Amino acid sequence: DSVEQWLPGVFQGTGYHGSRITIRQLLNNTSGLPNTATSDEIVRKLHTRAGLAEHRFDVWRKDDLLRLVVAEPPGGAPGVRGRFDTA
């Protein structure tokens, strides 16, 4: 099933196409979406000792994570390969 089928409009106006990305691709990291764990905001808040001490109990809502995802360009076409593949 497509992301659009289960989360209608979630990628509307973002440059991503929910009708082209499947749930399977989301689960096996072949959707072309960037990894939120490497976003500048997550790295700043959670990948340093001071950042983790200050933000370890922050609550990340769906909208917060979607904002981080759509701020980055697609890593590739959905279903082509994983975000971190080098070959």
PDB file of N, CA and C in Angstrom:
ATOM      1  N   ASP A   1       0.837  -1.190   0.000  1.00  0.00           N
ATOM      2  CA  ASP A   1       0.000   0.000   0.000  1.00  0.00           C
ATOM      3  C   ASP A   1       0.878   1.248   0.000  1.00  0.00           C
ATOM      4  N   SER A   2       0.371   2.310  -0.558  1.00  0.00           N
ATOM      5  CA  SER A   2       1.122   3.570  -0.590  1.00  0.00           C
ATOM      6  C   SER A   2       0.967   4.333   0.727  1.00  0.00           C
ATOM      7  N   VAL A   3       1.917   5.214   0.974  1.00  0.00           N
ATOM      8  CA  VAL A   3       1.833   6.100   2.142  1.00  0.00           C
ATOM      9  C   VAL A   3       0.585   6.971   2.017  1.00  0.00           C
ATOM     10  N   GLU A   4       0.303   7.416   0.808  1.00  0.00           N
ATOM     11  CA  GLU A   4      -0.864   8.270   0.580  1.00  0.00           C
ATOM     12  C   GLU A   4      -2.157   7.582   0.984  1.00  0.00           C
ATOM     13  N   GLN A   5      -2.234   6.271   0.789  1.00  0.00           N
ATOM     14  CA  GLN A   5      -3.449   5.538   1.148  1.00  0.00           C
ATOM     15  C   GLN A   5      -3.700   5.591   2.656  1.00  0.00           C
ATOM     16  N   TRP A   6      -2.647   5.466   3.445  1.00  0.00           N
ATOM     17  CA  TRP A   6      -2.801   5.398   4.898  1.00  0.00           C
ATOM     18  C   TRP A   6      -2.581   6.717   5.610  1.00  0.00           C
ATOM     19  N   LEU A   7      -1.828   7.618   4.987  1.00  0.00           N
ATOM     20  CA  LEU A   7      -1.574   8.933   5.570  1.00  0.00           C
ATOM     21  C   LEU A   7      -1.814  10.005   4.507  1.00  0.00           C
ATOM     22  N   PRO A   8      -3.074  10.165   4.105  1.00  0.00           N
ATOM     23  CA  PRO A   8      -3.370  11.081   3.004  1.00  0.00           C
ATOM     24  C   PRO A   8      -2.897  12.508   3.285  1.00  0.00           C
ATOM     25  N   GLY A   9      -2.206  13.064   2.291  1.00  0.00           N
ATOM     26  CA  GLY A   9      -1.778  14.449   2.378  1.00  0.00           C
ATOM     27  C   GLY A   9      -0.544  14.711   3.210  1.00  0.00           C
ATOM     28  N   VAL A  10       0.044  13.680   3.811  1.00  0.00           N
ATOM     29  CA  VAL A  10       1.166  13.906   4.724  1.00  0.00           C
ATOM     30  C   VAL A  10       2.370  14.522   4.017  1.00  0.00           C
ATOM     31  N   PHE A  11       2.561  14.228   2.740  1.00  0.00           N
ATOM     32  CA  PHE A  11       3.687  14.790   1.999  1.00  0.00           C
ATOM     33  C   PHE A  11       3.268  15.876   1.020  1.00  0.00           C
ATOM     34  N   GLN A  12       2.036  16.326   1.090  1.00  0.00           N
ATOM     35  CA  GLN A  12       1.524  17.318   0.154  1.00  0.00           C
ATOM     36  C   GLN A  12       2.338  18.607   0.234  1.00  0.00           C
ATOM     37  N   GLY A  13       2.808  19.075  -0.914  1.00  0.00           N
ATOM     38  CA  GLY A  13       3.550  20.323  -0.984  1.00  0.00           C
ATOM     39  C   GLY A  13       4.984  20.235  -0.489  1.00  0.00           C
ATOM     40  N   THR A  14       5.525  19.024  -0.373  1.00  0.00           N
ATOM     41  CA  THR A  14       6.868  18.863   0.174  1.00  0.00           C
ATOM     42  C   THR A  14       7.907  18.445  -0.849  1.00  0.00           C
ATOM     43  N   GLY A  15       7.487  18.055  -2.034  1.00  0.00           N
ATOM     44  CA  GLY A  15       8.421  17.517  -3.011  1.00  0.00           C
ATOM     45  C   GLY A  15       8.493  15.999  -2.976  1.00  0.00           C
ATOM     46  N   TYR A  16       7.933  15.414  -1.945  1.00  0.00           N
ATOM     47  CA  TYR A  16       7.834  13.955  -1.852  1.00  0.00           C
ATOM     48  C   TYR A  16       6.455  13.543  -2.330  1.00  0.00           C
ATOM     49  N   HIS A  17       6.334  12.344  -2.862  1.00  0.00           N
ATOM     50  CA  HIS A  17       5.058  11.877  -3.395  1.00  0.00           C
ATOM     51  C   HIS A  17       4.621  10.624  -2.642  1.00  0.00           C
ATOM     52  N   GLY A  18       3.666  10.792  -1.747  1.00  0.00           N
ATOM     53  CA  GLY A  18       3.169   9.679  -0.952  1.00  0.00           C
ATOM     54  C   GLY A  18       2.556   8.572  -1.767  1.00  0.00           C
ATOM     55  N   SER A  19       2.115   8.880  -2.978  1.00  0.00           N
ATOM     56  CA  SER A  19       1.531   7.845  -3.834  1.00  0.00           C
ATOM     57  C   SER A  19       2.608   6.957  -4.445  1.00  0.00           C
ATOM     58  N   ARG A  20       3.858   7.406  -4.442  1.00  0.00           N
ATOM     59  CA  ARG A  20       4.962   6.628  -5.017  1.00  0.00           C
ATOM     60  C   ARG A  20       5.768   5.869  -3.974  1.00  0.00           C
ATOM     61  N   ILE A  21       5.547   6.167  -2.708  1.00  0.00           N
ATOM     62  CA  ILE A  21       6.283   5.523  -1.616  1.00  0.00           C
ATOM     63  C   ILE A  21       5.362   4.522  -0.941  1.00  0.00           C
ATOM     64  N   THR A  22       5.840   3.294  -0.792  1.00  0.00           N
ATOM     65  CA  THR A  22       5.016   2.270  -0.142  1.00  0.00           C
ATOM     66  C   THR A  22       5.389   2.133   1.329  1.00  0.00           C
ATOM     67  N   ILE A  23       4.493   1.532   2.072  1.00  0.00           N
ATOM     68  CA  ILE A  23       4.755   1.254   3.483  1.00  0.00           C
ATOM     69  C   ILE A  23       5.963   0.326   3.600  1.00  0.00           C
ATOM     70  N   ARG A  24       6.058  -0.667   2.726  1.00  0.00           N
ATOM     71  CA  ARG A  24       7.205  -1.584   2.738  1.00  0.00           C
ATOM     72  C   ARG A  24       8.520  -0.818   2.569  1.00  0.00           C
ATOM     73  N   GLN A  25       8.533   0.146   1.647  1.00  0.00           N
ATOM     74  CA  GLN A  25       9.743   0.940   1.428  1.00  0.00           C
ATOM     75  C   GLN A  25      10.107   1.752   2.664  1.00  0.00           C
ATOM     76  N   LEU A  26       9.104   2.266   3.370  1.00  0.00           N
ATOM     77  CA  LEU A  26       9.385   2.974   4.626  1.00  0.00           C
ATOM     78  C   LEU A  26      10.038   2.036   5.630  1.00  0.00           C
ATOM     79  N   LEU A  27       9.507   0.829   5.735  1.00  0.00           N
ATOM     80  CA  LEU A  27       9.998  -0.120   6.734  1.00  0.00           C
ATOM     81  C   LEU A  27      11.374  -0.684   6.412  1.00  0.00           C
ATOM     82  N   ASN A  28      11.713  -0.808   5.126  1.00  0.00           N
ATOM     83  CA  ASN A  28      13.031  -1.369   4.801  1.00  0.00           C
ATOM     84  C   ASN A  28      14.017  -0.304   4.316  1.00  0.00           C
ATOM     85  N   ASN A  29      13.717   0.959   4.608  1.00  0.00           N
ATOM     86  CA  ASN A  29      14.612   2.086   4.327  1.00  0.00           C
ATOM     87  C   ASN A  29      14.982   2.232   2.858  1.00  0.00           C
ATOM     88  N   THR A  30      14.027   1.970   1.971  1.00  0.00           N
ATOM     89  CA  THR A  30      14.261   2.195   0.546  1.00  0.00           C
ATOM     90  C   THR A  30      13.278   3.224  -0.023  1.00  0.00           C
ATOM     91  N   SER A  31      12.735   4.063   0.836  1.00  0.00           N
ATOM     92  CA  SER A  31      11.730   5.050   0.411  1.00  0.00           C
ATOM     93  C   SER A  31      12.351   6.284  -0.232  1.00  0.00           C
ATOM     94  N   GLY A  32      13.641   6.493  -0.035  1.00  0.00           N
ATOM     95  CA  GLY A  32      14.281   7.714  -0.512  1.00  0.00           C
ATOM     96  C   GLY A  32      14.227   8.837   0.505  1.00  0.00           C
ATOM     97  N   LEU A  33      13.518   8.626   1.609  1.00  0.00           N
ATOM     98  CA  LEU A  33      13.442   9.644   2.655  1.00  0.00           C
ATOM     99  C   LEU A  33      14.755   9.682   3.436  1.00  0.00           C
ATOM    100  N   PRO A  34      15.182  10.870   3.876  1.00  0.00           N
ATOM    101  CA  PRO A  34      16.410  10.963   4.653  1.00  0.00           C
ATOM    102  C   PRO A  34      16.244  10.360   6.048  1.00  0.00           C
ATOM    103  N   ASN A  35      17.351  10.023   6.648  1.00  0.00           N
ATOM    104  CA  ASN A  35      17.380   9.477   8.000  1.00  0.00           C
ATOM    105  C   ASN A  35      17.314  10.632   8.993  1.00  0.00           C
ATOM    106  N   THR A  36      16.277  10.709   9.789  1.00  0.00           N
ATOM    107  CA  THR A  36      16.133  11.823  10.727  1.00  0.00           C
ATOM    108  C   THR A  36      17.200  11.805  11.807  1.00  0.00           C
ATOM    109  N   ALA A  37      17.802  10.652  12.087  1.00  0.00           N
ATOM    110  CA  ALA A  37      18.836  10.569  13.126  1.00  0.00           C
ATOM    111  C   ALA A  37      20.076  11.376  12.762  1.00  0.00           C
ATOM    112  N   THR A  38      20.255  11.676  11.485  1.00  0.00           N
ATOM    113  CA  THR A  38      21.431  12.444  11.066  1.00  0.00           C
ATOM    114  C   THR A  38      21.097  13.899  10.744  1.00  0.00           C
ATOM    115  N   SER A  39      19.878  14.315  11.041  1.00  0.00           N
ATOM    116  CA  SER A  39      19.517  15.714  10.790  1.00  0.00           C
ATOM    117  C   SER A  39      20.302  16.616  11.739  1.00  0.00           C
ATOM    118  N   ASP A  40      20.558  17.829  11.312  1.00  0.00           N
ATOM    119  CA  ASP A  40      21.328  18.774  12.130  1.00  0.00           C
ATOM    120  C   ASP A  40      20.685  18.979  13.500  1.00  0.00           C
ATOM    121  N   GLU A  41      19.373  19.057  13.531  1.00  0.00           N
ATOM    122  CA  GLU A  41      18.675  19.302  14.801  1.00  0.00           C
ATOM    123  C   GLU A  41      18.826  18.132  15.769  1.00  0.00           C
ATOM    124  N   ILE A  42      18.677  16.915  15.282  1.00  0.00           N
ATOM    125  CA  ILE A  42      18.822  15.731  16.140  1.00  0.00           C
ATOM    126  C   ILE A  42      20.267  15.609  16.617  1.00  0.00           C
ATOM    127  N   VAL A  43      21.208  15.800  15.714  1.00  0.00           N
ATOM    128  CA  VAL A  43      22.622  15.711  16.091  1.00  0.00           C
ATOM    129  C   VAL A  43      22.940  16.729  17.172  1.00  0.00           C
ATOM    130  N   ARG A  44      22.499  17.960  16.995  1.00  0.00           N
ATOM    131  CA  ARG A  44      22.764  19.015  17.978  1.00  0.00           C
ATOM    132  C   ARG A  44      22.137  18.701  19.332  1.00  0.00           C
ATOM    133  N   LYS A  45      20.922  18.162  19.306  1.00  0.00           N
ATOM    134  CA  LYS A  45      20.206  17.921  20.563  1.00  0.00           C
ATOM    135  C   LYS A  45      20.568  16.609  21.252  1.00  0.00           C
ATOM    136  N   LEU A  46      20.952  15.592  20.488  1.00  0.00           N
ATOM    137  CA  LEU A  46      21.095  14.276  21.109  1.00  0.00           C
ATOM    138  C   LEU A  46      22.451  13.610  20.939  1.00  0.00           C
ATOM    139  N   HIS A  47      23.310  14.114  20.066  1.00  0.00           N
ATOM    140  CA  HIS A  47      24.573  13.434  19.808  1.00  0.00           C
ATOM    141  C   HIS A  47      25.757  14.073  20.525  1.00  0.00           C
ATOM    142  N   THR A  48      25.476  14.977  21.438  1.00  0.00           N
ATOM    143  CA  THR A  48      26.528  15.552  22.271  1.00  0.00           C
ATOM    144  C   THR A  48      26.128  15.382  23.735  1.00  0.00           C
ATOM    145  N   ARG A  49      27.106  15.351  24.598  1.00  0.00           N
ATOM    146  CA  ARG A  49      26.814  15.171  26.039  1.00  0.00           C
ATOM    147  C   ARG A  49      25.926  16.298  26.556  1.00  0.00           C
ATOM    148  N   ALA A  50      26.259  17.553  26.218  1.00  0.00           N
ATOM    149  CA  ALA A  50      25.471  18.691  26.702  1.00  0.00           C
ATOM    150  C   ALA A  50      24.068  18.679  26.099  1.00  0.00           C
ATOM    151  N   GLY A  51      23.983  18.375  24.811  1.00  0.00           N
ATOM    152  CA  GLY A  51      22.679  18.336  24.154  1.00  0.00           C
ATOM    153  C   GLY A  51      21.789  17.253  24.735  1.00  0.00           C
ATOM    154  N   LEU A  52      22.355  16.084  24.960  1.00  0.00           N
ATOM    155  CA  LEU A  52      21.573  14.982  25.531  1.00  0.00           C
ATOM    156  C   LEU A  52      21.115  15.316  26.942  1.00  0.00           C
ATOM    157  N   ALA A  53      21.988  15.924  27.746  1.00  0.00           N
ATOM    158  CA  ALA A  53      21.596  16.296  29.108  1.00  0.00           C
ATOM    159  C   ALA A  53      20.412  17.255  29.101  1.00  0.00           C
ATOM    160  N   GLU A  54      20.398  18.164  28.128  1.00  0.00           N
ATOM    161  CA  GLU A  54      19.321  19.151  28.059  1.00  0.00           C
ATOM    162  C   GLU A  54      18.047  18.609  27.410  1.00  0.00           C
ATOM    163  N   HIS A  55      18.178  17.708  26.445  1.00  0.00           N
ATOM    164  CA  HIS A  55      17.026  17.311  25.625  1.00  0.00           C
ATOM    165  C   HIS A  55      16.623  15.846  25.757  1.00  0.00           C
ATOM    166  N   ARG A  56      17.195  15.109  26.698  1.00  0.00           N
ATOM    167  CA  ARG A  56      16.923  13.662  26.752  1.00  0.00           C
ATOM    168  C   ARG A  56      15.475  13.315  27.020  1.00  0.00           C
ATOM    169  N   PHE A  57      14.725  14.216  27.613  1.00  0.00           N
ATOM    170  CA  PHE A  57      13.328  13.916  27.892  1.00  0.00           C
ATOM    171  C   PHE A  57      12.371  14.634  26.928  1.00  0.00           C
ATOM    172  N   ASP A  58      12.915  15.231  25.884  1.00  0.00           N
ATOM    173  CA  ASP A  58      12.061  15.873  24.877  1.00  0.00           C
ATOM    174  C   ASP A  58      11.130  14.830  24.257  1.00  0.00           C
ATOM    175  N   VAL A  59       9.952  15.245  23.930  1.00  0.00           N
ATOM    176  CA  VAL A  59       8.994  14.377  23.244  1.00  0.00           C
ATOM    177  C   VAL A  59       8.976  14.778  21.775  1.00  0.00           C
ATOM    178  N   TRP A  60       9.221  13.803  20.902  1.00  0.00           N
ATOM    179  CA  TRP A  60       9.196  14.051  19.459  1.00  0.00           C
ATOM    180  C   TRP A  60       7.862  13.577  18.917  1.00  0.00           C
ATOM    181  N   ARG A  61       7.092  14.478  18.416  1.00  0.00           N
ATOM    182  CA  ARG A  61       5.799  14.140  17.837  1.00  0.00           C
ATOM    183  C   ARG A  61       5.954  13.856  16.343  1.00  0.00           C
ATOM    184  N   LYS A  62       4.958  13.223  15.786  1.00  0.00           N
ATOM    185  CA  LYS A  62       4.968  12.896  14.361  1.00  0.00           C
ATOM    186  C   LYS A  62       5.254  14.130  13.512  1.00  0.00           C
ATOM    187  N   ASP A  63       4.616  15.233  13.812  1.00  0.00           N
ATOM    188  CA  ASP A  63       4.809  16.457  13.025  1.00  0.00           C
ATOM    189  C   ASP A  63       6.243  16.974  13.123  1.00  0.00           C
ATOM    190  N   ASP A  64       6.886  16.808  14.287  1.00  0.00           N
ATOM    191  CA  ASP A  64       8.276  17.227  14.440  1.00  0.00           C
ATOM    192  C   ASP A  64       9.187  16.416  13.516  1.00  0.00           C
ATOM    193  N   LEU A  65       8.985  15.108  13.491  1.00  0.00           N
ATOM    194  CA  LEU A  65       9.820  14.237  12.662  1.00  0.00           C
ATOM    195  C   LEU A  65       9.540  14.434  11.180  1.00  0.00           C
ATOM    196  N   LEU A  66       8.286  14.635  10.826  1.00  0.00           N
ATOM    197  CA  LEU A  66       7.958  14.910   9.417  1.00  0.00           C
ATOM    198  C   LEU A  66       8.597  16.212   8.945  1.00  0.00           C
ATOM    199  N   ARG A  67       8.614  17.213   9.804  1.00  0.00           N
ATOM    200  CA  ARG A  67       9.263  18.489   9.467  1.00  0.00           C
ATOM    201  C   ARG A  67      10.744  18.268   9.161  1.00  0.00           C
ATOM    202  N   LEU A  68      11.409  17.429   9.955  1.00  0.00           N
ATOM    203  CA  LEU A  68      12.819  17.138   9.708  1.00  0.00           C
ATOM    204  C   LEU A  68      13.010  16.383   8.398  1.00  0.00           C
ATOM    205  N   VAL A  69      12.136  15.432   8.115  1.00  0.00           N
ATOM    206  CA  VAL A  69      12.254  14.627   6.902  1.00  0.00           C
ATOM    207  C   VAL A  69      12.096  15.482   5.656  1.00  0.00           C
ATOM    208  N   VAL A  70      11.059  16.281   5.604  1.00  0.00           N
ATOM    209  CA  VAL A  70      10.778  17.032   4.373  1.00  0.00           C
ATOM    210  C   VAL A  70      11.695  18.234   4.195  1.00  0.00           C
ATOM    211  N   ALA A  71      12.480  18.575   5.212  1.00  0.00           N
ATOM    212  CA  ALA A  71      13.439  19.671   5.084  1.00  0.00           C
ATOM    213  C   ALA A  71      14.635  19.265   4.228  1.00  0.00           C
ATOM    214  N   GLU A  72      14.838  17.965   4.052  1.00  0.00           N
ATOM    215  CA  GLU A  72      15.950  17.439   3.257  1.00  0.00           C
ATOM    216  C   GLU A  72      15.443  16.958   1.901  1.00  0.00           C
ATOM    217  N   PRO A  73      16.271  17.046   0.870  1.00  0.00           N
ATOM    218  CA  PRO A  73      15.859  16.527  -0.436  1.00  0.00           C
ATOM    219  C   PRO A  73      15.840  14.997  -0.426  1.00  0.00           C
ATOM    220  N   PRO A  74      15.088  14.395  -1.321  1.00  0.00           N
ATOM    221  CA  PRO A  74      15.060  12.932  -1.394  1.00  0.00           C
ATOM    222  C   PRO A  74      16.468  12.371  -1.613  1.00  0.00           C
ATOM    223  N   GLY A  75      16.735  11.221  -0.997  1.00  0.00           N
ATOM    224  CA  GLY A  75      18.026  10.570  -1.152  1.00  0.00           C
ATOM    225  C   GLY A  75      18.092   9.707  -2.390  1.00  0.00           C
ATOM    226  N   GLY A  76      16.992   9.541  -3.059  1.00  0.00           N
ATOM    227  CA  GLY A  76      16.914   8.720  -4.264  1.00  0.00           C
ATOM    228  C   GLY A  76      15.463   8.417  -4.559  1.00  0.00           C
ATOM    229  N   ALA A  77      15.248   7.729  -5.646  1.00  0.00           N
ATOM    230  CA  ALA A  77      13.882   7.353  -6.013  1.00  0.00           C
ATOM    231  C   ALA A  77      13.387   6.244  -5.097  1.00  0.00           C
ATOM    232  N   PRO A  78      12.115   6.260  -4.736  1.00  0.00           N
ATOM    233  CA  PRO A  78      11.571   5.203  -3.884  1.00  0.00           C
ATOM    234  C   PRO A  78      11.791   3.818  -4.488  1.00  0.00           C
ATOM    235  N   GLY A  79      12.275   2.904  -3.663  1.00  0.00           N
ATOM    236  CA  GLY A  79      12.444   1.517  -4.072  1.00  0.00           C
ATOM    237  C   GLY A  79      13.732   1.202  -4.801  1.00  0.00           C
ATOM    238  N   VAL A  80      14.541   2.211  -5.095  1.00  0.00           N
ATOM    239  CA  VAL A  80      15.762   1.962  -5.859  1.00  0.00           C
ATOM    240  C   VAL A  80      16.812   1.297  -5.009  1.00  0.00           C
ATOM    241  N   ARG A  81      17.122   1.882  -3.871  1.00  0.00           N
ATOM    242  CA  ARG A  81      18.097   1.302  -2.957  1.00  0.00           C
ATOM    243  C   ARG A  81      17.976   2.008  -1.623  1.00  0.00           C
ATOM    244  N   GLY A  82      18.689   1.492  -0.641  1.00  0.00           N
ATOM    245  CA  GLY A  82      18.653   2.083   0.681  1.00  0.00           C
ATOM    246  C   GLY A  82      19.379   3.415   0.727  1.00  0.00           C
ATOM    247  N   ARG A  83      19.036   4.217   1.666  1.00  0.00           N
ATOM    248  CA  ARG A  83      19.603   5.561   1.833  1.00  0.00           C
ATOM    249  C   ARG A  83      21.129   5.512   2.010  1.00  0.00           C
ATOM    250  N   PHE A  84      21.648   4.461   2.630  1.00  0.00           N
ATOM    251  CA  PHE A  84      23.071   4.399   2.955  1.00  0.00           C
ATOM    252  C   PHE A  84      23.857   3.483   2.048  1.00  0.00           C
ATOM    253  N   ASP A  85      23.228   2.938   1.014  1.00  0.00           N
ATOM    254  CA  ASP A  85      23.964   2.111   0.051  1.00  0.00           C
ATOM    255  C   ASP A  85      24.971   2.979  -0.690  1.00  0.00           C
ATOM    256  N   THR A  86      26.126   2.414  -0.959  1.00  0.00           N
ATOM    257  CA  THR A  86      27.140   3.162  -1.691  1.00  0.00           C
ATOM    258  C   THR A  86      27.365   2.579  -3.074  1.00  0.00           C
ATOM    259  N   ALA A  87      26.884   1.396  -3.322  1.00  0.00           N
ATOM    260  CA  ALA A  87      27.090   0.754  -4.636  1.00  0.00           C
ATOM    261  C   ALA A  87      25.906   1.001  -5.541  1.00  0.00           C
TER     262      ALA A  87
END
